[in-house]
Amino acid sequence: MKKIILILLIFVFANQAFAQKERKFIREGNDYYNLGLKDTAKLDTISFGKAEVAYRRGLEIKPEDFHWQFNLANSIYKQNKPDQAATEFEKLSEKTKDPIEKTMVYHNLGNSLLAQKKFDPSIQAYEKALRINPNDPETKYNLAYAMKMKKKDQEQKKKDQDKKDKDKDKDKDKKDQNKDKDKDKQDQNKDKDKQDQNKNQDNKDQKQQPQQNKISKQSAEQMLKALENDEKQTQEKVKKAQAQRAEKMKVEKNW
């Protein structure tokens, strides 16, 4: 009996020691978390990082404690790690059945998704929170803000797409203009080549023309000699005709 009592006492002391250690880590985590919240001008990721470490050490002793898990997810979110925080909040949404706890989880899950510009999932998370607690003003505000940001994002995407299409059309028009310019240049070059060919042909004809009309010296002398002979013969014929006429006239006169 004494052994049983001794074992029970050891077990009680051990549990008390673990509980004290757990509370120590949680207190440290809360202190660091609150320290990070004090400076609202900037995000003190160092303090929130220390809070995360403390919460994790506390959860090693009591891993199923919802509140420490919730605080751990919040400390991760405060370090600008919304993707990791969203994973933790999604796990918590499946673990708790308490309406208040579930509302808080969906609210913070919506914040983590909205920080990643995942507008549709964040809107769904806020809507889930409002189905449980329709009168939560902060969740209503965040839902409206998420819808506004979604609309703004869609408008910006449309503007970007329109600009992209416009730039694409400009590039196409520029390419068409350059194509037309190239074609005109090619046509001009063809016309110039044709003109050069015609000019070259004319020059060739002009060079060939004198060659075709050119007479050799020997041919010229022969032609000149022939002309002189023709003229000599002609003169002889004229003289002969004149002599005959003179003779005839003389005869006629005597008669």
Protein backbone atom coordinates (compact mmCIF):
# COMPACT_ATOMS: atom_id res chain seq x y z
CA MET A 1 0.00 0.00 0.00
CA LYS A 2 2.83 2.35 0.78
CA LYS A 3 4.33 1.65 -2.65
CA ILE A 4 1.08 2.58 -4.36
CA ILE A 5 0.85 5.79 -2.37
CA LEU A 6 4.47 6.59 -3.23
CA ILE A 7 3.86 6.01 -6.94
CA LEU A 8 0.78 8.21 -6.84
CA LEU A 9 2.70 10.98 -5.11
CA ILE A 10 5.49 10.80 -7.72
CA PHE A 11 2.88 10.93 -10.50
CA VAL A 12 1.20 13.96 -8.93
CA PHE A 13 4.49 15.78 -8.47
CA ALA A 14 5.49 14.98 -12.06
CA ASN A 15 2.21 16.33 -13.41
CA GLN A 16 2.58 19.44 -11.33
CA ALA A 17 6.11 19.92 -12.64
CA PHE A 18 4.96 19.51 -16.27
CA ALA A 19 2.02 21.86 -15.66
CA GLN A 20 4.31 24.49 -14.18
CA LYS A 21 6.70 24.12 -17.10
CA GLU A 22 3.85 24.35 -19.59
CA ARG A 23 2.46 27.47 -17.93
CA LYS A 24 5.96 28.97 -17.93
CA PHE A 25 6.28 28.57 -21.70
CA ILE A 26 2.78 29.87 -22.30
CA ARG A 27 3.41 32.91 -20.10
CA GLU A 28 6.61 33.58 -22.02
CA GLY A 29 4.76 33.23 -25.30
CA ASN A 30 2.04 35.62 -24.18
CA ASP A 31 4.59 38.14 -22.91
CA TYR A 32 6.49 38.13 -26.22
CA TYR A 33 3.24 38.31 -28.19
CA ASN A 34 2.01 41.32 -26.20
CA LEU A 35 5.42 42.94 -26.55
CA GLY A 36 5.13 42.63 -30.30
CA LEU A 37 1.69 44.24 -30.25
CA LYS A 38 2.86 47.29 -28.31
CA ASP A 39 4.72 48.93 -31.22
CA THR A 40 1.89 49.58 -33.67
CA ALA A 41 4.17 51.62 -35.97
CA LYS A 42 5.94 48.50 -37.21
CA LEU A 43 5.62 44.75 -37.11
CA ASP A 44 7.96 43.36 -34.44
CA THR A 45 8.63 39.98 -36.02
CA ILE A 46 11.40 39.23 -33.52
CA SER A 47 9.04 39.31 -30.54
CA PHE A 48 6.41 37.28 -32.40
CA GLY A 49 9.11 34.78 -33.42
CA LYS A 50 10.08 34.31 -29.77
CA ALA A 51 6.39 33.90 -28.91
CA GLU A 52 6.10 31.15 -31.54
CA VAL A 53 9.06 29.28 -30.02
CA ALA A 54 7.56 29.52 -26.54
CA TYR A 55 4.13 28.32 -27.70
CA ARG A 56 5.67 25.36 -29.53
CA ARG A 57 7.58 24.33 -26.40
CA GLY A 58 4.36 24.56 -24.40
CA LEU A 59 2.53 22.42 -26.99
CA GLU A 60 5.20 19.74 -26.70
CA ILE A 61 3.89 19.23 -23.17
CA LYS A 62 0.20 19.74 -23.98
CA PRO A 63 -0.18 19.23 -27.77
CA GLU A 64 -4.00 19.23 -27.86
CA ASP A 65 -4.57 22.56 -26.16
CA PHE A 66 -6.70 24.65 -28.55
CA HIS A 67 -5.82 28.02 -27.05
CA TRP A 68 -2.06 27.51 -27.36
CA GLN A 69 -2.50 26.23 -30.92
CA PHE A 70 -4.58 29.32 -31.72
CA ASN A 71 -1.96 31.62 -30.20
CA LEU A 72 0.76 29.78 -32.15
CA ALA A 73 -1.11 30.37 -35.44
CA ASN A 74 -1.54 34.06 -34.56
CA SER A 75 2.17 34.47 -33.78
CA ILE A 76 3.02 32.93 -37.17
CA TYR A 77 0.60 35.28 -38.92
CA LYS A 78 2.17 38.29 -37.17
CA GLN A 79 5.56 37.33 -38.66
CA ASN A 80 4.29 37.96 -42.19
CA LYS A 81 3.83 34.23 -42.84
CA PRO A 82 0.15 34.17 -43.87
CA ASP A 83 0.49 30.94 -45.86
CA GLN A 84 1.80 28.99 -42.83
CA ALA A 85 -0.75 30.66 -40.56
CA ALA A 86 -3.59 29.67 -42.92
CA THR A 87 -2.46 26.03 -42.70
CA GLU A 88 -2.58 26.16 -38.88
CA PHE A 89 -6.04 27.81 -38.82
CA GLU A 90 -7.42 25.24 -41.29
CA LYS A 91 -6.26 22.46 -38.95
CA LEU A 92 -7.92 24.18 -35.97
CA SER A 93 -11.21 24.61 -37.87
CA GLU A 94 -11.45 20.81 -38.08
CA LYS A 95 -10.47 20.22 -34.45
CA THR A 96 -12.93 22.44 -32.57
CA LYS A 97 -16.70 22.17 -32.39
CA ASP A 98 -17.19 25.16 -30.12
CA PRO A 99 -19.10 27.92 -32.03
CA ILE A 100 -17.07 30.79 -30.52
CA GLU A 101 -13.76 29.09 -31.20
CA LYS A 102 -14.84 28.16 -34.72
CA THR A 103 -15.87 31.76 -35.45
CA MET A 104 -12.50 33.06 -34.30
CA VAL A 105 -10.67 30.46 -36.40
CA TYR A 106 -12.62 31.25 -39.60
CA HIS A 107 -12.15 34.99 -39.04
CA ASN A 108 -8.36 34.65 -38.73
CA LEU A 109 -8.26 32.13 -41.58
CA GLY A 110 -9.97 34.76 -43.74
CA ASN A 111 -7.32 37.30 -42.71
CA SER A 112 -4.49 34.89 -43.59
CA LEU A 113 -5.99 34.16 -47.02
CA LEU A 114 -6.72 37.83 -47.71
CA ALA A 115 -3.09 38.72 -46.94
CA GLN A 116 -2.15 36.34 -49.80
CA LYS A 117 -4.70 38.03 -52.11
CA LYS A 118 -6.70 34.81 -52.23
CA PHE A 119 -9.94 36.77 -52.39
CA ASP A 120 -12.50 34.02 -53.03
CA PRO A 121 -11.23 31.67 -50.27
CA SER A 122 -10.99 34.57 -47.80
CA ILE A 123 -14.58 35.62 -48.59
CA GLN A 124 -15.73 32.04 -48.03
CA ALA A 125 -13.95 31.92 -44.64
CA TYR A 126 -15.59 35.19 -43.51
CA GLU A 127 -18.98 33.93 -44.65
CA LYS A 128 -18.52 30.74 -42.62
CA ALA A 129 -17.73 32.82 -39.55
CA LEU A 130 -20.84 34.97 -40.09
CA ARG A 131 -23.08 31.92 -40.44
CA ILE A 132 -22.12 31.06 -36.88
CA ASN A 133 -22.10 34.62 -35.55
CA PRO A 134 -23.98 36.93 -37.98
CA ASN A 135 -23.56 39.99 -35.75
CA ASP A 136 -19.76 40.08 -35.59
CA PRO A 137 -18.90 43.63 -36.80
CA GLU A 138 -15.21 42.92 -37.44
CA THR A 139 -15.96 39.93 -39.65
CA LYS A 140 -18.61 41.93 -41.54
CA TYR A 141 -16.10 44.70 -42.15
CA ASN A 142 -13.40 42.28 -43.31
CA LEU A 143 -15.86 40.54 -45.63
CA ALA A 144 -16.83 43.85 -47.24
CA TYR A 145 -13.17 44.80 -47.54
CA ALA A 146 -12.29 41.46 -49.17
CA MET A 147 -15.11 41.92 -51.71
CA LYS A 148 -13.90 45.44 -52.46
CA MET A 149 -10.32 44.25 -52.96
CA LYS A 150 -11.52 41.44 -55.23
CA LYS A 151 -13.42 43.91 -57.41
CA LYS A 152 -10.43 46.25 -57.54
CA ASP A 153 -8.16 43.35 -58.47
CA GLN A 154 -10.51 42.28 -61.28
CA GLU A 155 -10.64 45.84 -62.64
CA GLN A 156 -6.86 46.09 -62.54
CA LYS A 157 -6.48 42.76 -64.33
CA LYS A 158 -8.93 43.96 -66.99
CA LYS A 159 -6.94 47.18 -67.44
CA ASP A 160 -3.72 45.21 -67.70
CA GLN A 161 -5.27 42.86 -70.25
CA ASP A 162 -6.66 45.77 -72.27
CA LYS A 163 -3.25 47.44 -72.23
CA LYS A 164 -1.63 44.17 -73.25
CA ASP A 165 -4.07 43.77 -76.15
CA LYS A 166 -3.55 47.41 -77.15
CA ASP A 167 0.22 47.01 -77.10
CA LYS A 168 -0.17 43.82 -79.12
CA ASP A 169 -2.25 45.67 -81.73
CA LYS A 170 0.34 48.46 -81.82
CA ASP A 171 3.08 45.93 -82.41
CA LYS A 172 1.04 44.35 -85.18
CA ASP A 173 0.39 47.73 -86.82
CA LYS A 174 4.07 48.59 -86.53
CA LYS A 175 5.04 45.28 -88.12
CA ASP A 176 2.53 45.86 -90.93
CA GLN A 177 3.90 49.37 -91.47
CA ASN A 178 7.45 48.06 -91.56
CA LYS A 179 6.32 45.35 -93.94
CA ASP A 180 4.72 47.95 -96.24
CA LYS A 181 7.87 50.08 -96.05
CA ASP A 182 10.01 47.08 -96.94
CA LYS A 183 7.71 46.30 -99.88
CA ASP A 184 7.84 49.91 -101.09
CA LYS A 185 11.60 49.87 -100.76
CA GLN A 186 11.77 46.63 -102.70
CA ASP A 187 9.54 48.10 -105.42
CA GLN A 188 11.72 51.22 -105.53
CA ASN A 189 14.81 49.07 -105.82
CA LYS A 190 13.19 47.08 -108.61
CA ASP A 191 12.27 50.29 -110.46
CA LYS A 192 15.78 51.60 -109.96
CA ASP A 193 17.25 48.34 -111.23
CA LYS A 194 14.96 48.48 -114.25
CA GLN A 195 15.94 52.07 -114.92
CA ASP A 196 19.60 51.15 -114.58
CA GLN A 197 19.09 48.26 -116.99
CA ASN A 198 17.37 50.54 -119.52
CA LYS A 199 20.11 53.12 -119.11
CA ASN A 200 22.77 50.50 -119.61
CA GLN A 201 20.96 49.23 -122.72
CA ASP A 202 20.74 52.77 -124.10
CA ASN A 203 24.43 53.29 -123.48
CA LYS A 204 25.14 49.98 -125.15
CA ASP A 205 23.02 50.93 -128.18
CA GLN A 206 24.72 54.29 -128.37
CA LYS A 207 28.11 52.62 -128.33
CA GLN A 208 27.07 50.09 -130.92
CA GLN A 209 25.49 52.73 -133.21
CA PRO A 210 28.75 54.49 -134.18
CA GLN A 211 30.39 51.13 -134.68
CA GLN A 212 27.64 50.06 -137.08
CA ASN A 213 27.87 53.37 -139.04
CA LYS A 214 31.67 53.51 -138.97
CA ILE A 215 33.35 53.08 -142.44
CA SER A 216 36.90 51.85 -142.90
CA LYS A 217 39.50 54.08 -144.57
CA GLN A 218 39.89 51.70 -147.49
CA SER A 219 36.14 51.63 -148.16
CA ALA A 220 36.00 55.42 -148.03
CA GLU A 221 38.84 55.73 -150.58
CA GLN A 222 37.14 53.26 -152.92
CA MET A 223 33.85 55.13 -152.62
CA LEU A 224 35.63 58.46 -153.28
CA LYS A 225 37.43 57.02 -156.30
CA ALA A 226 34.18 55.64 -157.68
CA LEU A 227 32.56 59.05 -157.29
CA GLU A 228 35.47 60.71 -159.10
CA ASN A 229 35.19 58.19 -161.98
CA ASP A 230 31.45 58.78 -162.18
CA GLU A 231 32.04 62.51 -162.31
CA LYS A 232 34.75 62.11 -165.00
CA GLN A 233 32.53 59.95 -167.13
CA THR A 234 29.71 62.38 -166.68
CA GLN A 235 31.88 65.28 -167.83
CA GLU A 236 33.06 63.33 -170.88
CA LYS A 237 29.49 62.55 -171.79
CA VAL A 238 28.56 66.21 -171.44
CA LYS A 239 31.46 67.32 -173.62
CA LYS A 240 30.62 64.71 -176.24
CA ALA A 241 27.00 65.77 -176.27
CA GLN A 242 27.98 69.42 -176.57
CA ALA A 243 30.31 68.61 -179.51
CA GLN A 244 27.63 66.68 -181.29
CA ARG A 245 25.16 69.48 -180.78
CA ALA A 246 27.60 72.05 -182.00
CA GLU A 247 28.28 70.01 -185.10
CA LYS A 248 24.61 69.57 -185.75
CA MET A 249 23.95 73.20 -185.35
CA LYS A 250 26.67 74.00 -187.79
CA VAL A 251 25.22 71.64 -190.35
CA GLU A 252 21.82 73.06 -189.97
CA LYS A 253 23.10 76.50 -190.39
CA ASN A 254 24.79 75.64 -193.69
CA TRP A 255 21.65 74.09 -194.89
